[in-house]
PDB file of all heavy atoms in Angstrom:
ATOM      1  N   GLY A   1      -1.462   8.328  -7.390  1.00  0.00           N
ATOM      2  CA  GLY A   1      -0.995   8.028  -6.042  1.00  0.00           C
ATOM      3  C   GLY A   1       0.323   7.285  -6.073  1.00  0.00           C
ATOM      4  O   GLY A   1       0.832   6.924  -7.138  1.00  0.00           O
ATOM      5  N   MET A   2       0.882   7.071  -4.900  1.00  0.00           N
ATOM      6  CA  MET A   2       2.112   6.309  -4.788  1.00  0.00           C
ATOM      7  C   MET A   2       1.791   4.958  -4.150  1.00  0.00           C
ATOM      8  O   MET A   2       1.355   4.890  -3.000  1.00  0.00           O
ATOM      9  CB  MET A   2       3.137   7.058  -3.918  1.00  0.00           C
ATOM     10  CG  MET A   2       4.490   6.353  -3.834  1.00  0.00           C
ATOM     11  SD  MET A   2       5.276   6.129  -5.450  1.00  0.00           S
ATOM     12  CE  MET A   2       5.529   7.847  -5.930  1.00  0.00           C
ATOM     13  N   TRP A   3       1.989   3.900  -4.921  1.00  0.00           N
ATOM     14  CA  TRP A   3       1.760   2.548  -4.432  1.00  0.00           C
ATOM     15  C   TRP A   3       3.058   2.009  -3.829  1.00  0.00           C
ATOM     16  O   TRP A   3       4.126   2.120  -4.434  1.00  0.00           O
ATOM     17  CB  TRP A   3       1.309   1.624  -5.557  1.00  0.00           C
ATOM     18  CG  TRP A   3      -0.102   1.852  -5.992  1.00  0.00           C
ATOM     19  CD1 TRP A   3      -0.544   2.688  -6.977  1.00  0.00           C
ATOM     20  CD2 TRP A   3      -1.276   1.236  -5.444  1.00  0.00           C
ATOM     21  NE1 TRP A   3      -1.909   2.632  -7.089  1.00  0.00           N
ATOM     22  CE2 TRP A   3      -2.383   1.748  -6.164  1.00  0.00           C
ATOM     23  CE3 TRP A   3      -1.490   0.305  -4.438  1.00  0.00           C
ATOM     24  CZ2 TRP A   3      -3.698   1.352  -5.891  1.00  0.00           C
ATOM     25  CZ3 TRP A   3      -2.796  -0.095  -4.162  1.00  0.00           C
ATOM     26  CH2 TRP A   3      -3.886   0.429  -4.886  1.00  0.00           C
ATOM     27  N   VAL A   4       2.959   1.439  -2.649  1.00  0.00           N
ATOM     28  CA  VAL A   4       4.113   0.825  -1.999  1.00  0.00           C
ATOM     29  C   VAL A   4       3.799  -0.648  -1.779  1.00  0.00           C
ATOM     30  O   VAL A   4       2.754  -1.010  -1.241  1.00  0.00           O
ATOM     31  CB  VAL A   4       4.473   1.526  -0.667  1.00  0.00           C
ATOM     32  CG1 VAL A   4       3.271   1.619   0.256  1.00  0.00           C
ATOM     33  CG2 VAL A   4       5.609   0.796   0.043  1.00  0.00           C
ATOM     34  N   ARG A   5       4.694  -1.489  -2.258  1.00  0.00           N
ATOM     35  CA  ARG A   5       4.543  -2.933  -2.080  1.00  0.00           C
ATOM     36  C   ARG A   5       5.162  -3.299  -0.745  1.00  0.00           C
ATOM     37  O   ARG A   5       6.319  -2.981  -0.466  1.00  0.00           O
ATOM     38  CB  ARG A   5       5.225  -3.678  -3.225  1.00  0.00           C
ATOM     39  CG  ARG A   5       5.014  -5.169  -3.240  1.00  0.00           C
ATOM     40  CD  ARG A   5       5.551  -5.760  -4.547  1.00  0.00           C
ATOM     41  NE  ARG A   5       6.950  -5.456  -4.730  1.00  0.00           N
ATOM     42  CZ  ARG A   5       7.957  -6.222  -4.302  1.00  0.00           C
ATOM     43  NH1 ARG A   5       7.694  -7.351  -3.648  1.00  0.00           N
ATOM     44  NH2 ARG A   5       9.199  -5.890  -4.519  1.00  0.00           N
ATOM     45  N   THR A   6       4.385  -3.964   0.104  1.00  0.00           N
ATOM     46  CA  THR A   6       4.853  -4.290   1.442  1.00  0.00           C
ATOM     47  C   THR A   6       4.722  -5.790   1.689  1.00  0.00           C
ATOM     48  O   THR A   6       3.910  -6.472   1.062  1.00  0.00           O
ATOM     49  CB  THR A   6       4.062  -3.532   2.526  1.00  0.00           C
ATOM     50  OG1 THR A   6       2.663  -3.872   2.414  1.00  0.00           O
ATOM     51  CG2 THR A   6       4.214  -2.035   2.358  1.00  0.00           C
ATOM     52  N   ARG A   7       5.497  -6.269   2.648  1.00  0.00           N
ATOM     53  CA  ARG A   7       5.449  -7.687   2.991  1.00  0.00           C
ATOM     54  C   ARG A   7       5.195  -7.820   4.485  1.00  0.00           C
ATOM     55  O   ARG A   7       5.933  -7.282   5.302  1.00  0.00           O
ATOM     56  CB  ARG A   7       6.762  -8.385   2.637  1.00  0.00           C
ATOM     57  CG  ARG A   7       6.705  -9.898   2.814  1.00  0.00           C
ATOM     58  CD  ARG A   7       8.003 -10.550   2.429  1.00  0.00           C
ATOM     59  NE  ARG A   7       9.057 -10.296   3.406  1.00  0.00           N
ATOM     60  CZ  ARG A   7      10.286 -10.783   3.301  1.00  0.00           C
ATOM     61  NH1 ARG A   7      10.622 -11.502   2.253  1.00  0.00           N
ATOM     62  NH2 ARG A   7      11.193 -10.519   4.224  1.00  0.00           N
ATOM     63  N   ASN A   8       4.113  -8.539   4.828  1.00  0.00           N
ATOM     64  CA  ASN A   8       3.887  -8.862   6.230  1.00  0.00           C
ATOM     65  C   ASN A   8       4.263 -10.320   6.450  1.00  0.00           C
ATOM     66  O   ASN A   8       4.948 -10.921   5.630  1.00  0.00           O
ATOM     67  CB  ASN A   8       2.447  -8.542   6.650  1.00  0.00           C
ATOM     68  CG  ASN A   8       1.421  -9.319   5.824  1.00  0.00           C
ATOM     69  OD1 ASN A   8       1.695 -10.415   5.359  1.00  0.00           O
ATOM     70  ND2 ASN A   8       0.248  -8.738   5.644  1.00  0.00           N
ATOM     71  N   ALA A   9       3.804 -10.907   7.539  1.00  0.00           N
ATOM     72  CA  ALA A   9       4.266 -12.246   7.892  1.00  0.00           C
ATOM     73  C   ALA A   9       3.859 -13.315   6.889  1.00  0.00           C
ATOM     74  O   ALA A   9       4.574 -14.291   6.704  1.00  0.00           O
ATOM     75  CB  ALA A   9       3.744 -12.610   9.284  1.00  0.00           C
ATOM     76  N   LEU A  10       2.694 -13.155   6.228  1.00  0.00           N
ATOM     77  CA  LEU A  10       2.173 -14.252   5.414  1.00  0.00           C
ATOM     78  C   LEU A  10       1.993 -13.939   3.944  1.00  0.00           C
ATOM     79  O   LEU A  10       1.842 -14.851   3.151  1.00  0.00           O
ATOM     80  CB  LEU A  10       0.834 -14.732   5.986  1.00  0.00           C
ATOM     81  CG  LEU A  10       0.910 -15.466   7.331  1.00  0.00           C
ATOM     82  CD1 LEU A  10      -0.477 -15.805   7.818  1.00  0.00           C
ATOM     83  CD2 LEU A  10       1.756 -16.720   7.225  1.00  0.00           C
ATOM     84  N   ASN A  11       1.962 -12.681   3.546  1.00  0.00           N
ATOM     85  CA  ASN A  11       1.726 -12.404   2.135  1.00  0.00           C
ATOM     86  C   ASN A  11       2.205 -10.996   1.776  1.00  0.00           C
ATOM     87  O   ASN A  11       2.639 -10.224   2.613  1.00  0.00           O
ATOM     88  CB  ASN A  11       0.236 -12.571   1.782  1.00  0.00           C
ATOM     89  CG  ASN A  11      -0.656 -11.623   2.572  1.00  0.00           C
ATOM     90  OD1 ASN A  11      -0.202 -10.935   3.485  1.00  0.00           O
ATOM     91  ND2 ASN A  11      -1.921 -11.591   2.223  1.00  0.00           N
ATOM     92  N   TRP A  12       2.101 -10.702   0.488  1.00  0.00           N
ATOM     93  CA  TRP A  12       2.436  -9.383  -0.022  1.00  0.00           C
ATOM     94  C   TRP A  12       1.172  -8.530  -0.084  1.00  0.00           C
ATOM     95  O   TRP A  12       0.092  -9.016  -0.418  1.00  0.00           O
ATOM     96  CB  TRP A  12       3.024  -9.490  -1.423  1.00  0.00           C
ATOM     97  CG  TRP A  12       4.366 -10.137  -1.491  1.00  0.00           C
ATOM     98  CD1 TRP A  12       4.633 -11.438  -1.851  1.00  0.00           C
ATOM     99  CD2 TRP A  12       5.626  -9.545  -1.209  1.00  0.00           C
ATOM    100  NE1 TRP A  12       5.975 -11.682  -1.806  1.00  0.00           N
ATOM    101  CE2 TRP A  12       6.615 -10.526  -1.417  1.00  0.00           C
ATOM    102  CE3 TRP A  12       6.022  -8.267  -0.806  1.00  0.00           C
ATOM    103  CZ2 TRP A  12       7.964 -10.288  -1.232  1.00  0.00           C
ATOM    104  CZ3 TRP A  12       7.369  -8.020  -0.622  1.00  0.00           C
ATOM    105  CH2 TRP A  12       8.326  -9.023  -0.834  1.00  0.00           C
ATOM    106  N   GLU A  13       1.341  -7.238   0.204  1.00  0.00           N
ATOM    107  CA  GLU A  13       0.256  -6.280   0.064  1.00  0.00           C
ATOM    108  C   GLU A  13       0.740  -5.096  -0.758  1.00  0.00           C
ATOM    109  O   GLU A  13       1.942  -4.894  -0.937  1.00  0.00           O
ATOM    110  CB  GLU A  13      -0.232  -5.797   1.435  1.00  0.00           C
ATOM    111  CG  GLU A  13      -0.929  -6.864   2.260  1.00  0.00           C
ATOM    112  CD  GLU A  13      -1.414  -6.326   3.599  1.00  0.00           C
ATOM    113  OE1 GLU A  13      -0.842  -5.342   4.113  1.00  0.00           O
ATOM    114  OE2 GLU A  13      -2.367  -6.916   4.135  1.00  0.00           O
ATOM    115  N   ALA A  14      -0.202  -4.317  -1.261  1.00  0.00           N
ATOM    116  CA  ALA A  14       0.103  -3.065  -1.943  1.00  0.00           C
ATOM    117  C   ALA A  14      -0.753  -1.977  -1.309  1.00  0.00           C
ATOM    118  O   ALA A  14      -1.968  -2.140  -1.168  1.00  0.00           O
ATOM    119  CB  ALA A  14      -0.178  -3.171  -3.437  1.00  0.00           C
ATOM    120  N   GLN A  15      -0.119  -0.893  -0.919  1.00  0.00           N
ATOM    121  CA  GLN A  15      -0.812   0.209  -0.261  1.00  0.00           C
ATOM    122  C   GLN A  15      -0.676   1.469  -1.111  1.00  0.00           C
ATOM    123  O   GLN A  15       0.417   1.776  -1.605  1.00  0.00           O
ATOM    124  CB  GLN A  15      -0.231   0.462   1.134  1.00  0.00           C
ATOM    125  CG  GLN A  15      -0.292  -0.758   2.041  1.00  0.00           C
ATOM    126  CD  GLN A  15       0.262  -0.474   3.422  1.00  0.00           C
ATOM    127  OE1 GLN A  15      -0.003   0.572   4.010  1.00  0.00           O
ATOM    128  NE2 GLN A  15       1.042  -1.409   3.953  1.00  0.00           N
ATOM    129  N   ARG A  16      -1.791   2.178  -1.257  1.00  0.00           N
ATOM    130  CA  ARG A  16      -1.779   3.403  -2.050  1.00  0.00           C
ATOM    131  C   ARG A  16      -1.728   4.613  -1.123  1.00  0.00           C
ATOM    132  O   ARG A  16      -2.568   4.773  -0.225  1.00  0.00           O
ATOM    133  CB  ARG A  16      -3.020   3.496  -2.933  1.00  0.00           C
ATOM    134  CG  ARG A  16      -3.070   4.735  -3.825  1.00  0.00           C
ATOM    135  CD  ARG A  16      -4.318   4.727  -4.704  1.00  0.00           C
ATOM    136  NE  ARG A  16      -4.353   5.862  -5.606  1.00  0.00           N
ATOM    137  CZ  ARG A  16      -4.884   7.045  -5.311  1.00  0.00           C
ATOM    138  NH1 ARG A  16      -5.444   7.230  -4.109  1.00  0.00           N
ATOM    139  NH2 ARG A  16      -4.873   8.027  -6.181  1.00  0.00           N
ATOM    140  N   ILE A  17      -0.724   5.473  -1.339  1.00  0.00           N
ATOM    141  CA  ILE A  17      -0.574   6.705  -0.566  1.00  0.00           C
ATOM    142  C   ILE A  17      -1.139   7.862  -1.381  1.00  0.00           C
ATOM    143  O   ILE A  17      -0.788   8.040  -2.556  1.00  0.00           O
ATOM    144  CB  ILE A  17       0.900   6.968  -0.236  1.00  0.00           C
ATOM    145  CG1 ILE A  17       1.476   5.814   0.599  1.00  0.00           C
ATOM    146  CG2 ILE A  17       1.069   8.299   0.500  1.00  0.00           C
ATOM    147  CD1 ILE A  17       2.974   5.888   0.781  1.00  0.00           C
ATOM    148  N   ASP A  18      -2.014   8.648  -0.765  1.00  0.00           N
ATOM    149  CA  ASP A  18      -2.570   9.839  -1.405  1.00  0.00           C
ATOM    150  C   ASP A  18      -1.574  10.978  -1.216  1.00  0.00           C
ATOM    151  O   ASP A  18      -1.299  11.378  -0.078  1.00  0.00           O
ATOM    152  CB  ASP A  18      -3.911  10.184  -0.748  1.00  0.00           C
ATOM    153  CG  ASP A  18      -4.581  11.393  -1.388  1.00  0.00           C
ATOM    154  OD1 ASP A  18      -3.956  12.050  -2.241  1.00  0.00           O
ATOM    155  OD2 ASP A  18      -5.736  11.681  -1.030  1.00  0.00           O
ATOM    156  N   PRO A  19      -1.008  11.542  -2.290  1.00  0.00           N
ATOM    157  CA  PRO A  19      -0.017  12.604  -2.136  1.00  0.00           C
ATOM    158  C   PRO A  19      -0.594  13.901  -1.579  1.00  0.00           C
ATOM    159  O   PRO A  19       0.159  14.761  -1.109  1.00  0.00           O
ATOM    160  CB  PRO A  19       0.520  12.806  -3.562  1.00  0.00           C
ATOM    161  CG  PRO A  19      -0.571  12.319  -4.443  1.00  0.00           C
ATOM    162  CD  PRO A  19      -1.227  11.198  -3.712  1.00  0.00           C
ATOM    163  N   ALA A  20      -1.921  14.039  -1.610  1.00  0.00           N
ATOM    164  CA  ALA A  20      -2.539  15.240  -1.047  1.00  0.00           C
ATOM    165  C   ALA A  20      -2.508  15.223   0.475  1.00  0.00           C
ATOM    166  O   ALA A  20      -2.450  16.277   1.123  1.00  0.00           O
ATOM    167  CB  ALA A  20      -3.979  15.376  -1.541  1.00  0.00           C
ATOM    168  N   THR A  21      -2.544  14.036   1.067  1.00  0.00           N
ATOM    169  CA  THR A  21      -2.578  13.917   2.529  1.00  0.00           C
ATOM    170  C   THR A  21      -1.365  13.190   3.095  1.00  0.00           C
ATOM    171  O   THR A  21      -1.159  13.195   4.309  1.00  0.00           O
ATOM    172  CB  THR A  21      -3.841  13.155   2.958  1.00  0.00           C
ATOM    173  OG1 THR A  21      -3.805  11.821   2.411  1.00  0.00           O
ATOM    174  CG2 THR A  21      -5.095  13.863   2.476  1.00  0.00           C
ATOM    175  N   ASN A  22      -0.576  12.554   2.223  1.00  0.00           N
ATOM    176  CA  ASN A  22       0.574  11.738   2.655  1.00  0.00           C
ATOM    177  C   ASN A  22       0.137  10.631   3.613  1.00  0.00           C
ATOM    178  O   ASN A  22       0.834  10.305   4.575  1.00  0.00           O
ATOM    179  CB  ASN A  22       1.654  12.614   3.299  1.00  0.00           C
ATOM    180  CG  ASN A  22       2.288  13.563   2.310  1.00  0.00           C
ATOM    181  OD1 ASN A  22       2.508  13.213   1.158  1.00  0.00           O
ATOM    182  ND2 ASN A  22       2.573  14.779   2.747  1.00  0.00           N
ATOM    183  N   ARG A  23      -1.009  10.016   3.312  1.00  0.00           N
ATOM    184  CA  ARG A  23      -1.528   8.927   4.128  1.00  0.00           C
ATOM    185  C   ARG A  23      -1.909   7.739   3.244  1.00  0.00           C
ATOM    186  O   ARG A  23      -2.307   7.912   2.090  1.00  0.00           O
ATOM    187  CB  ARG A  23      -2.766   9.369   4.929  1.00  0.00           C
ATOM    188  CG  ARG A  23      -2.475  10.422   5.992  1.00  0.00           C
ATOM    189  CD  ARG A  23      -3.772  10.820   6.696  1.00  0.00           C
ATOM    190  NE  ARG A  23      -3.529  11.818   7.729  1.00  0.00           N
ATOM    191  CZ  ARG A  23      -3.201  11.549   8.977  1.00  0.00           C
ATOM    192  NH1 ARG A  23      -3.100  10.292   9.361  1.00  0.00           N
ATOM    193  NH2 ARG A  23      -2.987  12.507   9.848  1.00  0.00           N
ATOM    194  N   VAL A  24      -1.823   6.551   3.821  1.00  0.00           N
ATOM    195  CA  VAL A  24      -2.285   5.349   3.128  1.00  0.00           C
ATOM    196  C   VAL A  24      -3.804   5.352   3.101  1.00  0.00           C
ATOM    197  O   VAL A  24      -4.448   5.477   4.146  1.00  0.00           O
ATOM    198  CB  VAL A  24      -1.771   4.077   3.824  1.00  0.00           C
ATOM    199  CG1 VAL A  24      -2.385   2.830   3.189  1.00  0.00           C
ATOM    200  CG2 VAL A  24      -0.245   4.008   3.748  1.00  0.00           C
ATOM    201  N   VAL A  25      -4.376   5.225   1.904  1.00  0.00           N
ATOM    202  CA  VAL A  25      -5.833   5.275   1.764  1.00  0.00           C
ATOM    203  C   VAL A  25      -6.420   3.970   1.236  1.00  0.00           C
ATOM    204  O   VAL A  25      -7.628   3.758   1.324  1.00  0.00           O
ATOM    205  CB  VAL A  25      -6.256   6.441   0.842  1.00  0.00           C
ATOM    206  CG1 VAL A  25      -5.907   7.774   1.479  1.00  0.00           C
ATOM    207  CG2 VAL A  25      -5.610   6.327  -0.540  1.00  0.00           C
ATOM    208  N   THR A  26      -5.595   3.090   0.683  1.00  0.00           N
ATOM    209  CA  THR A  26      -6.083   1.836   0.108  1.00  0.00           C
ATOM    210  C   THR A  26      -5.052   0.740   0.345  1.00  0.00           C
ATOM    211  O   THR A  26      -3.853   0.983   0.208  1.00  0.00           O
ATOM    212  CB  THR A  26      -6.327   1.977  -1.411  1.00  0.00           C
ATOM    213  OG1 THR A  26      -7.253   3.027  -1.657  1.00  0.00           O
ATOM    214  CG2 THR A  26      -6.877   0.685  -1.996  1.00  0.00           C
ATOM    215  N   THR A  27      -5.527  -0.456   0.687  1.00  0.00           N
ATOM    216  CA  THR A  27      -4.655  -1.611   0.824  1.00  0.00           C
ATOM    217  C   THR A  27      -5.296  -2.798   0.116  1.00  0.00           C
ATOM    218  O   THR A  27      -6.476  -3.092   0.338  1.00  0.00           O
ATOM    219  CB  THR A  27      -4.410  -1.973   2.301  1.00  0.00           C
ATOM    220  OG1 THR A  27      -3.802  -0.858   2.972  1.00  0.00           O
ATOM    221  CG2 THR A  27      -3.494  -3.180   2.415  1.00  0.00           C
ATOM    222  N   VAL A  28      -4.541  -3.457  -0.755  1.00  0.00           N
ATOM    223  CA  VAL A  28      -5.035  -4.638  -1.469  1.00  0.00           C
ATOM    224  C   VAL A  28      -3.978  -5.729  -1.405  1.00  0.00           C
ATOM    225  O   VAL A  28      -2.834  -5.480  -1.020  1.00  0.00           O
ATOM    226  CB  VAL A  28      -5.363  -4.320  -2.947  1.00  0.00           C
ATOM    227  CG1 VAL A  28      -6.452  -3.270  -3.045  1.00  0.00           C
ATOM    228  CG2 VAL A  28      -4.110  -3.877  -3.700  1.00  0.00           C
ATOM    229  N   GLU A  29      -4.363  -6.942  -1.798  1.00  0.00           N
ATOM    230  CA  GLU A  29      -3.389  -8.016  -1.907  1.00  0.00           C
ATOM    231  C   GLU A  29      -2.426  -7.671  -3.031  1.00  0.00           C
ATOM    232  O   GLU A  29      -2.840  -7.206  -4.102  1.00  0.00           O
ATOM    233  CB  GLU A  29      -4.096  -9.334  -2.219  1.00  0.00           C
ATOM    234  CG  GLU A  29      -3.273 -10.562  -1.919  1.00  0.00           C
ATOM    235  CD  GLU A  29      -3.194 -10.868  -0.426  1.00  0.00           C
ATOM    236  OE1 GLU A  29      -4.146 -10.524   0.296  1.00  0.00           O
ATOM    237  OE2 GLU A  29      -2.181 -11.437   0.001  1.00  0.00           O
ATOM    238  N   GLY A  30      -1.148  -7.880  -2.806  1.00  0.00           N
ATOM    239  CA  GLY A  30      -0.155  -7.499  -3.799  1.00  0.00           C
ATOM    240  C   GLY A  30       0.538  -8.696  -4.406  1.00  0.00           C
ATOM    241  O   GLY A  30      -0.035  -9.766  -4.564  1.00  0.00           O
ATOM    242  N   GLY A  31       1.799  -8.519  -4.758  1.00  0.00           N
ATOM    243  CA  GLY A  31       2.576  -9.583  -5.360  1.00  0.00           C
ATOM    244  C   GLY A  31       4.044  -9.365  -5.097  1.00  0.00           C
ATOM    245  O   GLY A  31       4.432  -8.423  -4.411  1.00  0.00           O
TER     246      GLY A  31
END
């Protein structure tokens, strides 16, 4: 999958995009 590191107001997250659907399928705390 394609992991994208994102930043919201209070912390970092990491979201996994499934290339079969081009949708975010997983979100975890990132860095």
